[in-house]
PDB file of N, CA and C in Angstrom:
ATOM      1  N   MET A   1       0.877  -1.172  -0.030  1.00  0.00           N
ATOM      2  CA  MET A   1      -0.035   0.031  -0.135  1.00  0.00           C
ATOM      3  C   MET A   1       0.918   1.197  -0.029  1.00  0.00           C
ATOM      4  N   GLY A   2       0.429   2.285  -0.765  1.00  0.00           N
ATOM      5  CA  GLY A   2       1.356   3.467  -0.859  1.00  0.00           C
ATOM      6  C   GLY A   2       1.302   4.219   0.435  1.00  0.00           C
ATOM      7  N   ILE A   3       2.385   5.063   0.658  1.00  0.00           N
ATOM      8  CA  ILE A   3       2.505   5.760   1.771  1.00  0.00           C
ATOM      9  C   ILE A   3       1.546   6.926   1.870  1.00  0.00           C
ATOM     10  N   ILE A   4       1.017   7.403   0.806  1.00  0.00           N
ATOM     11  CA  ILE A   4      -0.008   8.494   0.850  1.00  0.00           C
ATOM     12  C   ILE A   4      -1.341   7.850   1.324  1.00  0.00           C
ATOM     13  N   ILE A   5      -1.724   6.611   0.787  1.00  0.00           N
ATOM     14  CA  ILE A   5      -2.851   5.849   1.204  1.00  0.00           C
ATOM     15  C   ILE A   5      -2.769   5.518   2.735  1.00  0.00           C
ATOM     16  N   SER A   6      -1.543   5.198   3.160  1.00  0.00           N
ATOM     17  CA  SER A   6      -1.428   4.795   4.588  1.00  0.00           C
ATOM     18  C   SER A   6      -1.613   6.135   5.516  1.00  0.00           C
ATOM     19  N   ILE A   7      -1.130   7.333   4.950  1.00  0.00           N
ATOM     20  CA  ILE A   7      -1.343   8.462   5.773  1.00  0.00           C
ATOM     21  C   ILE A   7      -2.788   8.814   5.784  1.00  0.00           C
ATOM     22  N   LEU A   8      -3.408   8.738   4.669  1.00  0.00           N
ATOM     23  CA  LEU A   8      -4.888   9.110   4.671  1.00  0.00           C
ATOM     24  C   LEU A   8      -5.782   8.167   5.597  1.00  0.00           C
ATOM     25  N   ILE A   9      -5.404   6.949   5.543  1.00  0.00           N
ATOM     26  CA  ILE A   9      -6.060   6.022   6.451  1.00  0.00           C
ATOM     27  C   ILE A   9      -5.800   6.371   7.883  1.00  0.00           C
ATOM     28  N   GLY A  10      -4.569   6.633   8.170  1.00  0.00           N
ATOM     29  CA  GLY A  10      -4.134   6.997   9.659  1.00  0.00           C
ATOM     30  C   GLY A  10      -4.827   8.317   9.995  1.00  0.00           C
ATOM     31  N   CYS A  11      -5.017   9.346   9.043  1.00  0.00           N
ATOM     32  CA  CYS A  11      -5.697  10.482   9.312  1.00  0.00           C
ATOM     33  C   CYS A  11      -7.248  10.297   9.681  1.00  0.00           C
ATOM     34  N   LEU A  12      -7.862   9.334   8.873  1.00  0.00           N
ATOM     35  CA  LEU A  12      -9.262   9.061   9.133  1.00  0.00           C
ATOM     36  C   LEU A  12      -9.413   8.240  10.440  1.00  0.00           C
ATOM     37  N   ALA A  13      -8.470   7.366  10.613  1.00  0.00           N
ATOM     38  CA  ALA A  13      -8.519   6.601  12.002  1.00  0.00           C
ATOM     39  C   ALA A  13      -8.368   7.537  13.125  1.00  0.00           C
ATOM     40  N   GLY A  14      -7.562   8.636  12.981  1.00  0.00           N
ATOM     41  CA  GLY A  14      -7.400   9.483  14.119  1.00  0.00           C
ATOM     42  C   GLY A  14      -8.651  10.327  14.419  1.00  0.00           C
ATOM     43  N   TYR A  15      -9.346  10.660  13.281  1.00  0.00           N
ATOM     44  CA  TYR A  15     -10.516  11.425  13.378  1.00  0.00           C
ATOM     45  C   TYR A  15     -11.617  10.497  13.998  1.00  0.00           C
ATOM     46  N   LEU A  16     -11.730   9.287  13.641  1.00  0.00           N
ATOM     47  CA  LEU A  16     -12.682   8.333  14.212  1.00  0.00           C
ATOM     48  C   LEU A  16     -12.406   8.019  15.566  1.00  0.00           C
ATOM     49  N   ALA A  17     -11.094   7.814  15.924  1.00  0.00           N
ATOM     50  CA  ALA A  17     -10.785   7.506  17.332  1.00  0.00           C
ATOM     51  C   ALA A  17     -11.085   8.718  18.137  1.00  0.00           C
ATOM     52  N   GLY A  18     -10.979   9.996  17.708  1.00  0.00           N
ATOM     53  CA  GLY A  18     -11.228  11.093  18.473  1.00  0.00           C
ATOM     54  C   GLY A  18     -12.774  11.205  18.868  1.00  0.00           C
ATOM     55  N   LYS A  19     -13.503  10.749  17.865  1.00  0.00           N
ATOM     56  CA  LYS A  19     -15.038  10.575  18.039  1.00  0.00           C
ATOM     57  C   LYS A  19     -15.380   9.456  18.994  1.00  0.00           C
ATOM     58  N   ILE A  20     -14.705   8.362  18.948  1.00  0.00           N
ATOM     59  CA  ILE A  20     -14.910   7.236  19.814  1.00  0.00           C
ATOM     60  C   ILE A  20     -14.590   7.540  21.269  1.00  0.00           C
ATOM     61  N   MET A  21     -13.426   8.272  21.524  1.00  0.00           N
ATOM     62  CA  MET A  21     -12.829   8.621  22.805  1.00  0.00           C
ATOM     63  C   MET A  21     -13.313   9.950  23.097  1.00  0.00           C
ATOM     64  N   LYS A  22     -14.611  10.194  23.463  1.00  0.00           N
ATOM     65  CA  LYS A  22     -15.130  11.449  23.707  1.00  0.00           C
ATOM     66  C   LYS A  22     -14.488  12.017  24.925  1.00  0.00           C
ATOM     67  N   GLY A  23     -13.947  13.171  24.782  1.00  0.00           N
ATOM     68  CA  GLY A  23     -13.182  13.823  25.884  1.00  0.00           C
ATOM     69  C   GLY A  23     -11.764  13.255  25.875  1.00  0.00           C
ATOM     70  N   GLY A  24     -11.355  12.354  25.054  1.00  0.00           N
ATOM     71  CA  GLY A  24     -10.024  11.750  25.098  1.00  0.00           C
ATOM     72  C   GLY A  24      -9.233  12.388  23.974  1.00  0.00           C
ATOM     73  N   GLY A  25      -9.897  13.168  23.118  1.00  0.00           N
ATOM     74  CA  GLY A  25      -9.203  13.784  22.016  1.00  0.00           C
ATOM     75  C   GLY A  25      -8.418  15.051  22.377  1.00  0.00           C
ATOM     76  N   PHE A  26      -7.533  15.499  21.437  1.00  0.00           N
ATOM     77  CA  PHE A  26      -6.642  16.639  21.686  1.00  0.00           C
ATOM     78  C   PHE A  26      -6.814  17.592  20.495  1.00  0.00           C
ATOM     79  N   GLY A  27      -7.922  17.551  19.809  1.00  0.00           N
ATOM     80  CA  GLY A  27      -8.049  18.524  18.690  1.00  0.00           C
ATOM     81  C   GLY A  27      -7.791  17.845  17.391  1.00  0.00           C
ATOM     82  N   PHE A  28      -8.296  18.490  16.282  1.00  0.00           N
ATOM     83  CA  PHE A  28      -8.280  17.809  15.080  1.00  0.00           C
ATOM     84  C   PHE A  28      -6.921  17.253  14.594  1.00  0.00           C
ATOM     85  N   TRP A  29      -6.000  18.372  14.553  1.00  0.00           N
ATOM     86  CA  TRP A  29      -4.554  17.915  13.982  1.00  0.00           C
ATOM     87  C   TRP A  29      -3.751  16.939  14.688  1.00  0.00           C
ATOM     88  N   ILE A  30      -3.921  17.023  16.104  1.00  0.00           N
ATOM     89  CA  ILE A  30      -3.289  16.100  16.942  1.00  0.00           C
ATOM     90  C   ILE A  30      -3.937  14.746  16.833  1.00  0.00           C
ATOM     91  N   ASN A  31      -5.312  14.677  16.796  1.00  0.00           N
ATOM     92  CA  ASN A  31      -5.890  13.325  16.470  1.00  0.00           C
ATOM     93  C   ASN A  31      -5.559  12.728  15.200  1.00  0.00           C
ATOM     94  N   LEU A  32      -5.277  13.570  14.195  1.00  0.00           N
ATOM     95  CA  LEU A  32      -4.830  12.915  12.894  1.00  0.00           C
ATOM     96  C   LEU A  32      -3.367  12.409  13.002  1.00  0.00           C
ATOM     97  N   LEU A  33      -2.552  13.043  13.673  1.00  0.00           N
ATOM     98  CA  LEU A  33      -1.139  12.625  13.974  1.00  0.00           C
ATOM     99  C   LEU A  33      -1.258  11.276  14.832  1.00  0.00           C
ATOM    100  N   VAL A  34      -2.168  11.317  15.752  1.00  0.00           N
ATOM    101  CA  VAL A  34      -2.287  10.102  16.570  1.00  0.00           C
ATOM    102  C   VAL A  34      -2.773   8.919  15.792  1.00  0.00           C
ATOM    103  N   GLY A  35      -3.672   9.182  14.812  1.00  0.00           N
ATOM    104  CA  GLY A  35      -4.197   8.182  13.857  1.00  0.00           C
ATOM    105  C   GLY A  35      -3.036   7.549  13.085  1.00  0.00           C
ATOM    106  N   VAL A  36      -2.156   8.334  12.509  1.00  0.00           N
ATOM    107  CA  VAL A  36      -1.091   7.790  11.722  1.00  0.00           C
ATOM    108  C   VAL A  36      -0.182   6.897  12.724  1.00  0.00           C
ATOM    109  N   VAL A  37       0.139   7.434  13.895  1.00  0.00           N
ATOM    110  CA  VAL A  37       1.025   6.721  14.745  1.00  0.00           C
ATOM    111  C   VAL A  37       0.210   5.451  15.324  1.00  0.00           C
ATOM    112  N   GLY A  38      -1.110   5.597  15.507  1.00  0.00           N
ATOM    113  CA  GLY A  38      -2.048   4.552  15.908  1.00  0.00           C
ATOM    114  C   GLY A  38      -2.076   3.328  14.878  1.00  0.00           C
ATOM    115  N   GLY A  39      -2.011   3.775  13.606  1.00  0.00           N
ATOM    116  CA  GLY A  39      -2.030   2.710  12.630  1.00  0.00           C
ATOM    117  C   GLY A  39      -0.795   1.726  12.713  1.00  0.00           C
ATOM    118  N   PHE A  40       0.288   2.348  13.094  1.00  0.00           N
ATOM    119  CA  PHE A  40       1.565   1.507  13.259  1.00  0.00           C
ATOM    120  C   PHE A  40       1.373   0.777  14.576  1.00  0.00           C
ATOM    121  N   LEU A  41       0.956   1.389  15.584  1.00  0.00           N
ATOM    122  CA  LEU A  41       0.633   0.690  16.876  1.00  0.00           C
ATOM    123  C   LEU A  41      -0.369  -0.482  16.711  1.00  0.00           C
ATOM    124  N   GLY A  42      -1.490  -0.178  16.128  1.00  0.00           N
ATOM    125  CA  GLY A  42      -2.536  -1.126  15.924  1.00  0.00           C
ATOM    126  C   GLY A  42      -2.046  -2.346  15.105  1.00  0.00           C
ATOM    127  N   GLY A  43      -1.230  -2.108  14.017  1.00  0.00           N
ATOM    128  CA  GLY A  43      -0.608  -3.236  13.296  1.00  0.00           C
ATOM    129  C   GLY A  43       0.239  -4.056  14.214  1.00  0.00           C
ATOM    130  N   ASN A  44       0.916  -3.541  15.139  1.00  0.00           N
ATOM    131  CA  ASN A  44       1.825  -4.339  15.980  1.00  0.00           C
ATOM    132  C   ASN A  44       1.032  -5.060  16.930  1.00  0.00           C
ATOM    133  N   ILE A  45       0.053  -4.391  17.607  1.00  0.00           N
ATOM    134  CA  ILE A  45      -0.859  -5.110  18.665  1.00  0.00           C
ATOM    135  C   ILE A  45      -1.524  -6.242  18.057  1.00  0.00           C
ATOM    136  N   LEU A  46      -2.148  -5.946  16.928  1.00  0.00           N
ATOM    137  CA  LEU A  46      -2.875  -7.164  16.345  1.00  0.00           C
ATOM    138  C   LEU A  46      -1.984  -8.221  15.758  1.00  0.00           C
ATOM    139  N   GLY A  47      -0.817  -7.805  15.293  1.00  0.00           N
ATOM    140  CA  GLY A  47       0.175  -8.832  14.889  1.00  0.00           C
ATOM    141  C   GLY A  47       0.656  -9.663  16.036  1.00  0.00           C
ATOM    142  N   TRP A  48       0.746  -9.147  17.131  1.00  0.00           N
ATOM    143  CA  TRP A  48       1.241  -9.949  18.397  1.00  0.00           C
ATOM    144  C   TRP A  48       0.152 -10.887  18.729  1.00  0.00           C
ATOM    145  N   ILE A  49      -1.117 -10.596  18.571  1.00  0.00           N
ATOM    146  CA  ILE A  49      -2.147 -11.605  19.034  1.00  0.00           C
ATOM    147  C   ILE A  49      -2.551 -12.419  17.748  1.00  0.00           C
ATOM    148  N   GLY A  50      -1.974 -12.252  16.603  1.00  0.00           N
ATOM    149  CA  GLY A  50      -2.138 -13.139  15.501  1.00  0.00           C
ATOM    150  C   GLY A  50      -3.354 -12.853  14.551  1.00  0.00           C
ATOM    151  N   ILE A  51      -3.802 -11.534  14.647  1.00  0.00           N
ATOM    152  CA  ILE A  51      -4.948 -11.029  13.744  1.00  0.00           C
ATOM    153  C   ILE A  51      -4.420 -10.342  12.637  1.00  0.00           C
ATOM    154  N   SER A  52      -4.933 -10.828  11.390  1.00  0.00           N
ATOM    155  CA  SER A  52      -4.482 -10.146  10.183  1.00  0.00           C
ATOM    156  C   SER A  52      -5.685  -9.915   9.330  1.00  0.00           C
ATOM    157  N   TRP A  53      -5.846  -8.808   8.601  1.00  0.00           N
ATOM    158  CA  TRP A  53      -6.939  -8.451   7.927  1.00  0.00           C
ATOM    159  C   TRP A  53      -6.785  -8.646   6.362  1.00  0.00           C
ATOM    160  N   GLY A  54      -5.592  -9.113   6.054  1.00  0.00           N
ATOM    161  CA  GLY A  54      -5.305  -9.486   4.619  1.00  0.00           C
ATOM    162  C   GLY A  54      -4.937  -8.308   3.782  1.00  0.00           C
ATOM    163  N   GLY A  55      -4.574  -7.091   4.351  1.00  0.00           N
ATOM    164  CA  GLY A  55      -4.169  -6.099   3.554  1.00  0.00           C
ATOM    165  C   GLY A  55      -5.240  -5.170   2.918  1.00  0.00           C
ATOM    166  N   THR A  56      -6.410  -5.394   3.209  1.00  0.00           N
ATOM    167  CA  THR A  56      -7.462  -4.588   2.700  1.00  0.00           C
ATOM    168  C   THR A  56      -7.519  -3.185   3.283  1.00  0.00           C
ATOM    169  N   VAL A  57      -8.198  -2.254   2.478  1.00  0.00           N
ATOM    170  CA  VAL A  57      -8.239  -0.927   3.055  1.00  0.00           C
ATOM    171  C   VAL A  57      -9.107  -0.843   4.204  1.00  0.00           C
ATOM    172  N   ILE A  58     -10.253  -1.582   4.355  1.00  0.00           N
ATOM    173  CA  ILE A  58     -11.042  -1.575   5.566  1.00  0.00           C
ATOM    174  C   ILE A  58     -10.334  -2.204   6.655  1.00  0.00           C
ATOM    175  N   GLY A  59      -9.688  -3.271   6.457  1.00  0.00           N
ATOM    176  CA  GLY A  59      -8.977  -3.878   7.545  1.00  0.00           C
ATOM    177  C   GLY A  59      -7.916  -3.015   8.010  1.00  0.00           C
ATOM    178  N   SER A  60      -7.070  -2.225   7.210  1.00  0.00           N
ATOM    179  CA  SER A  60      -6.135  -1.279   7.575  1.00  0.00           C
ATOM    180  C   SER A  60      -6.815  -0.156   8.482  1.00  0.00           C
ATOM    181  N   LEU A  61      -7.834   0.270   8.054  1.00  0.00           N
ATOM    182  CA  LEU A  61      -8.629   1.347   8.814  1.00  0.00           C
ATOM    183  C   LEU A  61      -9.041   0.930  10.140  1.00  0.00           C
ATOM    184  N   ILE A  62      -9.574  -0.433  10.228  1.00  0.00           N
ATOM    185  CA  ILE A  62      -9.957  -1.005  11.547  1.00  0.00           C
ATOM    186  C   ILE A  62      -8.696  -0.998  12.448  1.00  0.00           C
ATOM    187  N   THR A  63      -7.620  -1.599  11.882  1.00  0.00           N
ATOM    188  CA  THR A  63      -6.444  -1.673  12.581  1.00  0.00           C
ATOM    189  C   THR A  63      -5.891  -0.415  13.086  1.00  0.00           C
ATOM    190  N   ALA A  64      -5.978   0.707  12.360  1.00  0.00           N
ATOM    191  CA  ALA A  64      -5.586   1.954  12.599  1.00  0.00           C
ATOM    192  C   ALA A  64      -6.465   2.628  13.663  1.00  0.00           C
ATOM    193  N   VAL A  65      -7.665   2.420  13.578  1.00  0.00           N
ATOM    194  CA  VAL A  65      -8.732   3.045  14.565  1.00  0.00           C
ATOM    195  C   VAL A  65      -8.421   2.324  15.971  1.00  0.00           C
ATOM    196  N   ILE A  66      -8.236   0.992  15.938  1.00  0.00           N
ATOM    197  CA  ILE A  66      -7.983   0.350  17.200  1.00  0.00           C
ATOM    198  C   ILE A  66      -6.614   0.860  17.838  1.00  0.00           C
ATOM    199  N   GLY A  67      -5.547   0.900  17.036  1.00  0.00           N
ATOM    200  CA  GLY A  67      -4.383   1.507  17.538  1.00  0.00           C
ATOM    201  C   GLY A  67      -4.425   2.988  18.004  1.00  0.00           C
ATOM    202  N   ALA A  68      -5.259   3.801  17.317  1.00  0.00           N
ATOM    203  CA  ALA A  68      -5.463   5.220  17.755  1.00  0.00           C
ATOM    204  C   ALA A  68      -6.204   5.287  18.942  1.00  0.00           C
ATOM    205  N   VAL A  69      -7.203   4.393  19.213  1.00  0.00           N
ATOM    206  CA  VAL A  69      -7.912   4.453  20.324  1.00  0.00           C
ATOM    207  C   VAL A  69      -7.116   4.074  21.600  1.00  0.00           C
ATOM    208  N   VAL A  70      -6.208   3.106  21.484  1.00  0.00           N
ATOM    209  CA  VAL A  70      -5.313   2.533  22.378  1.00  0.00           C
ATOM    210  C   VAL A  70      -4.423   3.722  22.826  1.00  0.00           C
ATOM    211  N   LEU A  71      -3.793   4.458  21.767  1.00  0.00           N
ATOM    212  CA  LEU A  71      -2.944   5.459  21.899  1.00  0.00           C
ATOM    213  C   LEU A  71      -3.494   6.677  22.620  1.00  0.00           C
ATOM    214  N   LEU A  72      -4.699   7.054  22.244  1.00  0.00           N
ATOM    215  CA  LEU A  72      -5.398   8.094  22.885  1.00  0.00           C
ATOM    216  C   LEU A  72      -5.719   7.802  24.305  1.00  0.00           C
ATOM    217  N   TRP A  73      -5.991   6.628  24.616  1.00  0.00           N
ATOM    218  CA  TRP A  73      -6.324   6.222  26.031  1.00  0.00           C
ATOM    219  C   TRP A  73      -5.126   6.240  26.841  1.00  0.00           C
ATOM    220  N   ILE A  74      -3.795   5.765  26.285  1.00  0.00           N
ATOM    221  CA  ILE A  74      -2.604   5.889  26.928  1.00  0.00           C
ATOM    222  C   ILE A  74      -2.206   7.352  27.237  1.00  0.00           C
ATOM    223  N   ILE A  75      -2.388   8.198  26.191  1.00  0.00           N
ATOM    224  CA  ILE A  75      -2.163   9.611  26.289  1.00  0.00           C
ATOM    225  C   ILE A  75      -3.078  10.186  27.400  1.00  0.00           C
ATOM    226  N   SER A  76      -4.227   9.898  27.370  1.00  0.00           N
ATOM    227  CA  SER A  76      -5.206  10.495  28.339  1.00  0.00           C
ATOM    228  C   SER A  76      -4.797  10.125  29.742  1.00  0.00           C
ATOM    229  N   LEU A  77      -4.139   9.002  29.937  1.00  0.00           N
ATOM    230  CA  LEU A  77      -3.686   8.693  31.345  1.00  0.00           C
ATOM    231  C   LEU A  77      -2.605   9.643  31.835  1.00  0.00           C
ATOM    232  N   PHE A  78      -1.779  10.276  31.063  1.00  0.00           N
ATOM    233  CA  PHE A  78      -0.823  11.170  31.295  1.00  0.00           C
ATOM    234  C   PHE A  78      -1.409  12.630  31.321  1.00  0.00           C
ATOM    235  N   LYS A  79      -2.459  12.751  30.607  1.00  0.00           N
ATOM    236  CA  LYS A  79      -3.095  14.203  30.445  1.00  0.00           C
ATOM    237  C   LYS A  79      -3.622  14.656  31.769  1.00  0.00           C
ATOM    238  N   LYS A  80      -4.074  13.758  32.608  1.00  0.00           N
ATOM    239  CA  LYS A  80      -4.647  14.155  33.901  1.00  0.00           C
ATOM    240  C   LYS A  80      -3.645  14.582  34.821  1.00  0.00           C
TER     241      LYS A  80
END
């Protein structure tokens, strides 16, 4: 998958994670950055437990959203 598609998926994932984690977001731009990093984190987390989506765009989006939600949750622990 191209780097631009990966970044776009990460941005969408960050936006969705910000909506899922009500009160856990940090604003539009930071949530987009968290989505990109969360895509990497989600891929690692799901890889460790043996889950693979087969490289589809929807699977990549779900993985990135999971990673972004986890990352927002971790960041919110330090925010308080």
